[in-house]
Amino acid sequence: MIDLKDFKGAATRLDAIDIPQMAARINVPEDRVRAVDETESRGSGFDKAGRPKMLFEPHLFYRMLSGAQRDAAIAAGLAYPKWRKGYPVESYTRMVGAMKINRDAALRAASWGRYQCLGDHYAMLGYDAPDQMVKAFMDDEEAHLEGFVTFIINSGVDDDLRAGRYDVFFRVYNGPAYVKNGYPAAFKANLAKWAKTSDVEVVGGDPMQTDSETTKTVQRRLIELGYREIGMPDGSLGSRTRGAILGFRADHGLPLIPVIDKALLAALMIASARPVSAARANATVAELRAEGSTTIKVADKASGAAVALGSISGLAGLSQVMDTAGGSISTLQALLDQFSGLKDTAVALGPWIAVGVAGYIVYQQYMIRQTRLADHQSGKSSAPDGA
């Protein structure tokens, strides 16, 4: 547990180069990053006492507690079920009282610093515990900026900021009342102001790579390494690709942000294939069935229809079963089409044809199950309900 003392640390302000460097790193024009900073920050991350600006939220504290702790917080006026107006000007008195009830929950129930990053998002911002985040915010506004941008990236709205989809950005960061609360109007005015100022030249750093060709190259390499949840390489940094990047970064000790940068590209070049877990390597068809595999489920249905088909003694029954299966199990349609001619000639061939057709279908479905199992065991398919 980190000693937060009286919430006073070094309280270092942003350096002049910090915002230009961050803009270069995330490949967003500097005037946009400065305009967002000014819109969201109100100019400083510290209060007059040198502590990180902080707003304690009793309704969030309420959600994070239960039982006797919640009762104690309610009795002390530190927790209530729904948001209310009338917050005190100074939140630290509430914070100190709340920490006596549940330290971690209190830190998580407050928003911190220059950009009011919620303590509950500490893991998303790259910290192991909420007090670790608060300690970093006590020392340097650069940590505030880093946390803010990490949240933007992990929320998937960095590309909206790059593309100029500002409404999407503010809706995600500020909530559904973003227009009513004046964020777009303030941003527009700030952007017009900063657009008149020349950008600061930034040398070096590790900028994000956002072009589609680089993204497609990364997707292909991740698939080669076993991160097949991506699907088809399409050059788009969508949710599946972001998830695969996070998985790779976690496996290789890189910062957990779903971005493509020089560090990621270098790690991808020298990485070995993703290891397959023992549980996956030794999986069974029964386990895939229990996990809800769509492929196994459809194969089971097809086999059931085939068994019914083989049990029909009359040729009229054979035709009926084949028509029913073709109408109800879409994945059998192509297979049944191969046997559609049997309906016209079945009278001459005799009832035994049903057994032959059924046996062929059952065998085909068995092979489908075994192929699906092999894909799962090898890591080729990343999800139990994959194709």
Protein backbone atom coordinates (compact mmCIF):
# COMPACT_ATOMS: atom_id res chain seq x y z
CA MET A 1 0.00 0.00 0.00
CA ILE A 2 1.39 3.37 -1.07
CA ASP A 3 1.51 6.16 1.51
CA LEU A 4 -0.42 9.04 -0.07
CA LYS A 5 0.26 11.31 2.93
CA ASP A 6 -1.76 14.47 2.44
CA PHE A 7 -2.02 13.98 -1.35
CA LYS A 8 0.88 16.37 -1.92
CA GLY A 9 3.66 15.29 -4.25
CA ALA A 10 6.07 17.07 -6.55
CA ALA A 11 3.13 18.66 -8.42
CA THR A 12 5.21 19.20 -11.57
CA ARG A 13 3.35 21.03 -14.32
CA LEU A 14 3.40 20.06 -17.98
CA ASP A 15 6.50 21.05 -19.90
CA ALA A 16 6.07 23.08 -23.09
CA ILE A 17 7.03 20.10 -25.22
CA ASP A 18 4.71 17.53 -23.58
CA ILE A 19 1.57 18.20 -25.61
CA PRO A 20 3.41 18.49 -28.97
CA GLN A 21 5.19 15.21 -28.21
CA MET A 22 1.91 13.51 -27.36
CA ALA A 23 0.29 14.84 -30.52
CA ALA A 24 3.15 13.48 -32.61
CA ARG A 25 3.00 10.16 -30.81
CA ILE A 26 -0.70 9.54 -31.50
CA ASN A 27 -0.52 11.05 -35.00
CA VAL A 28 -3.10 13.77 -34.32
CA PRO A 29 -2.56 17.40 -35.39
CA GLU A 30 -1.16 19.44 -32.53
CA ASP A 31 -3.88 22.07 -32.67
CA ARG A 32 -6.52 19.40 -32.05
CA VAL A 33 -4.69 17.97 -29.03
CA ARG A 34 -4.18 21.45 -27.58
CA ALA A 35 -7.84 22.29 -28.16
CA VAL A 36 -8.94 19.06 -26.45
CA ASP A 37 -6.53 19.75 -23.58
CA GLU A 38 -7.93 23.23 -23.07
CA THR A 39 -11.54 22.04 -23.37
CA GLU A 40 -11.14 19.20 -20.85
CA SER A 41 -8.54 20.51 -18.40
CA ARG A 42 -9.58 23.99 -17.26
CA GLY A 43 -5.90 24.92 -17.27
CA SER A 44 -4.34 23.02 -14.38
CA GLY A 45 -4.19 19.57 -12.83
CA PHE A 46 -3.51 20.77 -9.26
CA ASP A 47 -5.46 22.78 -6.72
CA LYS A 48 -4.14 25.71 -4.66
CA ALA A 49 -2.78 23.31 -2.03
CA GLY A 50 -0.69 21.47 -4.63
CA ARG A 51 -2.88 18.37 -4.64
CA PRO A 52 -4.31 16.79 -7.82
CA LYS A 53 -7.68 18.28 -8.64
CA MET A 54 -10.22 15.73 -7.45
CA LEU A 55 -13.98 15.23 -7.42
CA PHE A 56 -15.34 12.56 -5.08
CA GLU A 57 -18.55 10.92 -6.38
CA PRO A 58 -20.78 9.54 -3.58
CA HIS A 59 -23.06 7.70 -6.02
CA LEU A 60 -20.06 5.79 -7.37
CA PHE A 61 -18.84 5.06 -3.85
CA TYR A 62 -22.29 3.64 -3.09
CA ARG A 63 -22.04 1.20 -6.02
CA MET A 64 -18.63 -0.01 -4.92
CA LEU A 65 -19.74 -0.88 -1.38
CA SER A 66 -22.09 -3.39 0.20
CA GLY A 67 -23.28 -4.49 3.62
CA ALA A 68 -21.93 -2.74 6.71
CA GLN A 69 -19.50 -0.59 4.73
CA ARG A 70 -22.29 0.81 2.56
CA ASP A 71 -24.43 1.46 5.67
CA ALA A 72 -21.54 3.32 7.32
CA ALA A 73 -20.94 5.43 4.21
CA ILE A 74 -24.64 6.33 3.92
CA ALA A 75 -24.77 7.29 7.60
CA ALA A 76 -21.76 9.57 7.13
CA GLY A 77 -23.30 11.22 4.06
CA LEU A 78 -20.55 9.81 1.83
CA ALA A 79 -22.69 7.51 -0.32
CA TYR A 80 -26.11 7.62 -1.92
CA PRO A 81 -27.74 5.61 -4.74
CA LYS A 82 -28.11 8.33 -7.36
CA TRP A 83 -26.17 11.41 -8.41
CA ARG A 84 -27.18 14.66 -6.68
CA LYS A 85 -26.35 18.28 -7.16
CA GLY A 86 -24.64 20.35 -4.51
CA TYR A 87 -21.13 18.94 -4.34
CA PRO A 88 -18.90 20.74 -1.85
CA VAL A 89 -16.21 23.02 -3.28
CA GLU A 90 -13.51 20.89 -1.63
CA SER A 91 -13.73 17.10 -2.06
CA TYR A 92 -10.73 16.00 -0.01
CA THR A 93 -12.64 16.09 3.29
CA ARG A 94 -15.07 13.57 1.84
CA MET A 95 -12.17 11.54 0.44
CA VAL A 96 -10.45 11.24 3.85
CA GLY A 97 -13.68 10.06 5.46
CA ALA A 98 -14.42 7.60 2.66
CA MET A 99 -10.92 6.10 2.83
CA LYS A 100 -11.52 5.18 6.47
CA ILE A 101 -14.41 2.99 5.30
CA ASN A 102 -12.82 1.46 2.19
CA ARG A 103 -9.56 2.93 0.91
CA ASP A 104 -9.50 1.44 -2.60
CA ALA A 105 -13.19 2.08 -3.25
CA ALA A 106 -12.79 5.71 -2.18
CA LEU A 107 -9.87 6.28 -4.56
CA ARG A 108 -11.76 4.55 -7.38
CA ALA A 109 -14.90 6.63 -6.77
CA ALA A 110 -13.18 9.94 -7.55
CA SER A 111 -11.99 11.61 -10.74
CA TRP A 112 -8.42 12.91 -10.66
CA GLY A 113 -6.14 15.46 -12.18
CA ARG A 114 -6.02 17.75 -15.17
CA TYR A 115 -8.47 15.63 -17.20
CA GLN A 116 -10.55 14.19 -14.33
CA CYS A 117 -9.58 10.58 -15.02
CA LEU A 118 -11.79 8.25 -12.98
CA GLY A 119 -9.89 6.26 -10.37
CA ASP A 120 -11.92 3.18 -11.28
CA HIS A 121 -10.14 3.21 -14.65
CA TYR A 122 -6.70 2.73 -13.08
CA ALA A 123 -6.08 -0.61 -14.82
CA MET A 124 -7.21 0.78 -18.17
CA LEU A 125 -4.68 3.58 -17.69
CA GLY A 126 -1.88 1.09 -17.05
CA TYR A 127 -1.67 1.03 -13.23
CA ASP A 128 -1.73 -2.00 -10.95
CA ALA A 129 -3.75 -0.32 -8.20
CA PRO A 130 -5.73 2.92 -7.70
CA ASP A 131 -3.24 4.35 -5.18
CA GLN A 132 -0.45 3.85 -7.73
CA MET A 133 -2.38 6.01 -10.18
CA VAL A 134 -3.10 8.69 -7.56
CA LYS A 135 0.58 8.79 -6.51
CA ALA A 136 1.66 9.32 -10.12
CA PHE A 137 -0.92 12.08 -10.49
CA MET A 138 0.39 13.74 -7.32
CA ASP A 139 3.86 14.03 -8.83
CA ASP A 140 3.50 15.16 -12.44
CA GLU A 141 0.91 16.49 -14.86
CA GLU A 142 2.64 14.44 -17.53
CA ALA A 143 1.06 11.40 -15.84
CA HIS A 144 -2.31 13.13 -16.19
CA LEU A 145 -1.73 13.61 -19.91
CA GLU A 146 -0.45 10.06 -20.36
CA GLY A 147 -3.50 8.67 -18.56
CA PHE A 148 -5.87 10.82 -20.59
CA VAL A 149 -4.41 9.72 -23.92
CA THR A 150 -4.23 6.08 -22.83
CA PHE A 151 -7.93 6.23 -21.99
CA ILE A 152 -8.67 7.72 -25.42
CA ILE A 153 -6.70 4.98 -27.15
CA ASN A 154 -8.17 2.14 -25.10
CA SER A 155 -11.67 3.54 -25.67
CA GLY A 156 -11.06 3.39 -29.42
CA VAL A 157 -11.74 7.08 -30.11
CA ASP A 158 -8.21 8.15 -31.04
CA ASP A 159 -9.10 7.41 -34.68
CA ASP A 160 -12.21 9.60 -34.34
CA LEU A 161 -10.01 12.46 -33.17
CA ARG A 162 -7.69 11.89 -36.14
CA ALA A 163 -10.61 11.75 -38.58
CA GLY A 164 -12.34 14.84 -37.16
CA ARG A 165 -15.35 12.93 -35.77
CA TYR A 166 -15.46 15.17 -32.73
CA ASP A 167 -19.02 14.36 -31.70
CA VAL A 168 -18.07 10.68 -31.30
CA PHE A 169 -15.03 11.64 -29.25
CA PHE A 170 -16.92 13.93 -26.85
CA ARG A 171 -19.87 11.53 -26.49
CA VAL A 172 -17.53 8.74 -25.37
CA TYR A 173 -15.36 10.88 -23.10
CA ASN A 174 -17.97 13.24 -21.63
CA GLY A 175 -21.17 11.21 -21.81
CA PRO A 176 -24.51 11.67 -23.60
CA ALA A 177 -25.03 15.22 -22.27
CA TYR A 178 -21.82 16.44 -23.97
CA VAL A 179 -23.67 18.97 -26.17
CA LYS A 180 -25.76 20.34 -23.30
CA ASN A 181 -22.61 20.71 -21.21
CA GLY A 182 -20.96 22.79 -23.92
CA TYR A 183 -18.00 20.63 -24.92
CA PRO A 184 -18.37 20.88 -28.74
CA ALA A 185 -18.80 24.66 -28.61
CA ALA A 186 -15.79 25.14 -26.34
CA PHE A 187 -13.69 22.81 -28.48
CA LYS A 188 -14.62 24.66 -31.66
CA ALA A 189 -13.51 27.98 -30.18
CA ASN A 190 -10.29 26.50 -28.80
CA LEU A 191 -9.48 24.77 -32.09
CA ALA A 192 -9.93 28.02 -34.03
CA LYS A 193 -7.51 29.71 -31.64
CA TRP A 194 -4.81 27.03 -31.79
CA ALA A 195 -5.09 26.66 -35.57
CA LYS A 196 -3.49 30.12 -35.83
CA THR A 197 -0.41 28.93 -33.91
CA SER A 198 2.48 27.12 -35.58
CA ASP A 199 3.12 23.55 -34.48
CA VAL A 200 6.20 22.76 -32.40
CA GLU A 201 8.74 20.60 -34.22
CA VAL A 202 9.16 17.26 -32.46
CA VAL A 203 12.25 15.14 -33.06
CA GLY A 204 12.38 11.39 -32.34
CA GLY A 205 9.80 9.61 -30.24
CA ASP A 206 7.74 6.56 -31.11
CA PRO A 207 4.72 7.71 -33.11
CA MET A 208 1.70 5.52 -33.75
CA GLN A 209 1.41 3.98 -37.20
CA THR A 210 -2.13 4.51 -38.46
CA ASP A 211 -2.01 3.82 -42.20
CA SER A 212 -3.94 0.82 -43.53
CA GLU A 213 -0.96 -0.93 -45.15
CA THR A 214 1.01 -1.02 -41.89
CA THR A 215 -2.09 -2.22 -40.07
CA LYS A 216 -2.60 -4.99 -42.62
CA THR A 217 1.04 -6.07 -42.26
CA VAL A 218 0.63 -6.23 -38.48
CA GLN A 219 -2.59 -8.22 -38.85
CA ARG A 220 -0.90 -10.79 -41.07
CA ARG A 221 2.03 -11.15 -38.69
CA LEU A 222 -0.24 -11.55 -35.68
CA ILE A 223 -2.15 -14.30 -37.48
CA GLU A 224 1.15 -16.03 -38.29
CA LEU A 225 2.02 -15.91 -34.58
CA GLY A 226 -1.28 -17.47 -33.55
CA TYR A 227 -3.46 -14.43 -32.77
CA ARG A 228 -6.15 -15.56 -35.19
CA GLU A 229 -9.01 -13.73 -33.51
CA ILE A 230 -8.33 -10.94 -36.01
CA GLY A 231 -10.13 -12.73 -38.83
CA MET A 232 -9.27 -11.46 -42.30
CA PRO A 233 -6.50 -8.82 -42.60
CA ASP A 234 -8.35 -5.75 -43.84
CA GLY A 235 -6.12 -2.84 -42.80
CA SER A 236 -8.66 -1.58 -40.26
CA LEU A 237 -7.74 -1.18 -36.59
CA GLY A 238 -11.04 -2.60 -35.37
CA SER A 239 -11.96 -4.19 -32.05
CA ARG A 240 -10.63 -7.65 -32.99
CA THR A 241 -7.28 -6.27 -34.11
CA ARG A 242 -7.02 -4.08 -31.02
CA GLY A 243 -7.75 -7.12 -28.87
CA ALA A 244 -5.07 -9.16 -30.63
CA ILE A 245 -2.55 -6.32 -30.22
CA LEU A 246 -3.36 -6.13 -26.50
CA GLY A 247 -2.95 -9.90 -26.23
CA PHE A 248 0.43 -9.78 -27.95
CA ARG A 249 1.57 -6.85 -25.81
CA ALA A 250 0.52 -8.66 -22.63
CA ASP A 251 2.40 -11.78 -23.73
CA HIS A 252 5.58 -9.78 -24.44
CA GLY A 253 5.64 -7.25 -21.61
CA LEU A 254 4.76 -4.19 -23.69
CA PRO A 255 2.53 -1.30 -22.51
CA LEU A 256 -1.10 -2.38 -22.70
CA ILE A 257 -2.37 0.07 -25.29
CA PRO A 258 -3.87 -1.19 -28.57
CA VAL A 259 -1.63 0.85 -30.88
CA ILE A 260 0.88 0.13 -33.59
CA ASP A 261 4.22 1.80 -32.95
CA LYS A 262 7.91 1.08 -33.46
CA ALA A 263 8.14 -0.94 -30.27
CA LEU A 264 5.28 -3.22 -31.39
CA LEU A 265 6.69 -3.63 -34.90
CA ALA A 266 10.12 -4.54 -33.52
CA ALA A 267 8.62 -7.09 -31.11
CA LEU A 268 6.53 -8.66 -33.87
CA MET A 269 9.63 -9.17 -36.03
CA ILE A 270 11.43 -11.34 -33.47
CA ALA A 271 8.47 -12.98 -31.71
CA SER A 272 7.89 -16.73 -31.68
CA ALA A 273 4.52 -18.33 -32.29
CA ARG A 274 1.97 -17.98 -29.52
CA PRO A 275 2.10 -21.07 -27.28
CA VAL A 276 -1.00 -23.23 -27.07
CA SER A 277 -2.19 -23.88 -23.53
CA ALA A 278 -2.41 -27.42 -22.20
CA ALA A 279 -6.15 -27.04 -21.75
CA ARG A 280 -6.58 -26.10 -25.41
CA ALA A 281 -4.18 -28.77 -26.69
CA ASN A 282 -6.05 -31.50 -24.77
CA ALA A 283 -9.58 -30.25 -25.43
CA THR A 284 -12.34 -32.64 -26.48
CA VAL A 285 -15.41 -32.38 -28.70
CA ALA A 286 -17.54 -32.66 -25.56
CA GLU A 287 -15.82 -29.59 -24.09
CA LEU A 288 -16.38 -27.57 -27.26
CA ARG A 289 -20.01 -28.66 -27.21
CA ALA A 290 -20.35 -27.52 -23.58
CA GLU A 291 -18.73 -24.18 -24.43
CA GLY A 292 -21.36 -23.54 -27.10
CA SER A 293 -19.47 -24.22 -30.33
CA THR A 294 -21.79 -23.39 -33.22
CA THR A 295 -19.96 -25.76 -35.53
CA ILE A 296 -20.36 -28.71 -33.15
CA LYS A 297 -23.99 -27.83 -32.54
CA VAL A 298 -24.84 -27.81 -36.25
CA ALA A 299 -22.92 -31.06 -36.83
CA ASP A 300 -24.85 -32.68 -33.99
CA LYS A 301 -28.16 -31.60 -35.52
CA ALA A 302 -27.10 -32.89 -38.92
CA SER A 303 -26.11 -36.25 -37.45
CA GLY A 304 -29.46 -36.46 -35.66
CA ALA A 305 -31.29 -35.83 -38.90
CA ALA A 306 -29.20 -38.52 -40.59
CA VAL A 307 -30.03 -41.06 -37.90
CA ALA A 308 -33.71 -40.27 -38.42
CA LEU A 309 -33.17 -40.67 -42.14
CA GLY A 310 -31.62 -44.11 -41.72
CA SER A 311 -34.46 -45.29 -39.51
CA ILE A 312 -37.13 -44.68 -42.11
CA SER A 313 -38.24 -47.96 -43.67
CA GLY A 314 -40.46 -46.60 -46.45
CA LEU A 315 -39.20 -44.65 -49.47
CA ALA A 316 -41.92 -42.09 -49.03
CA GLY A 317 -40.47 -41.50 -45.54
CA LEU A 318 -36.99 -41.07 -47.03
CA SER A 319 -38.23 -38.33 -49.33
CA GLN A 320 -40.04 -36.63 -46.45
CA VAL A 321 -37.00 -36.69 -44.14
CA MET A 322 -34.73 -35.33 -46.87
CA ASP A 323 -37.17 -32.51 -47.59
CA THR A 324 -37.50 -31.70 -43.87
CA ALA A 325 -33.75 -31.71 -43.27
CA GLY A 326 -33.16 -29.50 -46.28
CA GLY A 327 -35.71 -27.02 -45.07
CA SER A 328 -34.66 -26.85 -41.43
CA ILE A 329 -30.88 -27.26 -41.34
CA SER A 330 -29.26 -24.79 -43.69
CA THR A 331 -25.79 -26.29 -43.41
CA LEU A 332 -27.10 -29.64 -44.80
CA GLN A 333 -28.58 -28.06 -47.93
CA ALA A 334 -25.55 -28.50 -50.15
CA LEU A 335 -25.08 -32.11 -49.01
CA LEU A 336 -28.75 -33.00 -49.51
CA ASP A 337 -28.70 -31.47 -52.97
CA GLN A 338 -26.20 -34.14 -53.95
CA PHE A 339 -28.82 -36.77 -53.15
CA SER A 340 -31.89 -34.98 -54.52
CA GLY A 341 -31.96 -37.25 -57.53
CA LEU A 342 -32.51 -40.24 -55.29
CA LYS A 343 -36.05 -39.07 -54.68
CA ASP A 344 -37.02 -40.01 -58.25
CA THR A 345 -35.14 -43.33 -58.38
CA ALA A 346 -35.49 -44.53 -54.80
CA VAL A 347 -38.49 -46.80 -55.61
CA ALA A 348 -36.34 -48.90 -57.92
CA LEU A 349 -33.37 -49.08 -55.53
CA GLY A 350 -35.18 -50.11 -52.35
CA PRO A 351 -35.34 -48.88 -48.73
CA TRP A 352 -31.68 -49.71 -48.01
CA ILE A 353 -30.67 -46.47 -49.76
CA ALA A 354 -31.74 -44.55 -46.64
CA VAL A 355 -29.13 -46.33 -44.57
CA GLY A 356 -26.39 -45.55 -47.08
CA VAL A 357 -27.26 -41.85 -47.29
CA ALA A 358 -27.54 -41.60 -43.50
CA GLY A 359 -24.16 -43.27 -43.01
CA TYR A 360 -22.50 -40.85 -45.43
CA ILE A 361 -24.02 -37.83 -43.67
CA VAL A 362 -23.01 -39.10 -40.22
CA TYR A 363 -19.45 -39.67 -41.43
CA GLN A 364 -19.28 -36.17 -42.92
CA GLN A 365 -20.46 -34.61 -39.67
CA TYR A 366 -17.94 -36.66 -37.69
CA MET A 367 -15.14 -35.29 -39.90
CA ILE A 368 -16.44 -31.74 -39.42
CA ARG A 369 -16.29 -32.19 -35.65
CA GLN A 370 -12.76 -33.59 -35.80
CA THR A 371 -11.55 -30.75 -38.04
CA ARG A 372 -13.09 -28.19 -35.68
CA LEU A 373 -11.42 -29.89 -32.71
CA ALA A 374 -8.03 -29.93 -34.45
CA ASP A 375 -8.33 -26.23 -35.26
CA HIS A 376 -9.11 -25.49 -31.62
CA GLN A 377 -6.30 -27.67 -30.25
CA SER A 378 -3.71 -26.11 -32.56
CA GLY A 379 -4.85 -22.55 -31.85
CA LYS A 380 -5.96 -22.02 -35.44
CA SER A 381 -9.43 -21.13 -34.20
CA SER A 382 -9.46 -18.74 -31.25
CA ALA A 383 -13.05 -19.04 -30.07
CA PRO A 384 -15.23 -22.04 -29.18
CA ASP A 385 -17.99 -20.90 -31.56
CA GLY A 386 -15.70 -20.11 -34.47
CA ALA A 387 -16.05 -21.66 -37.92
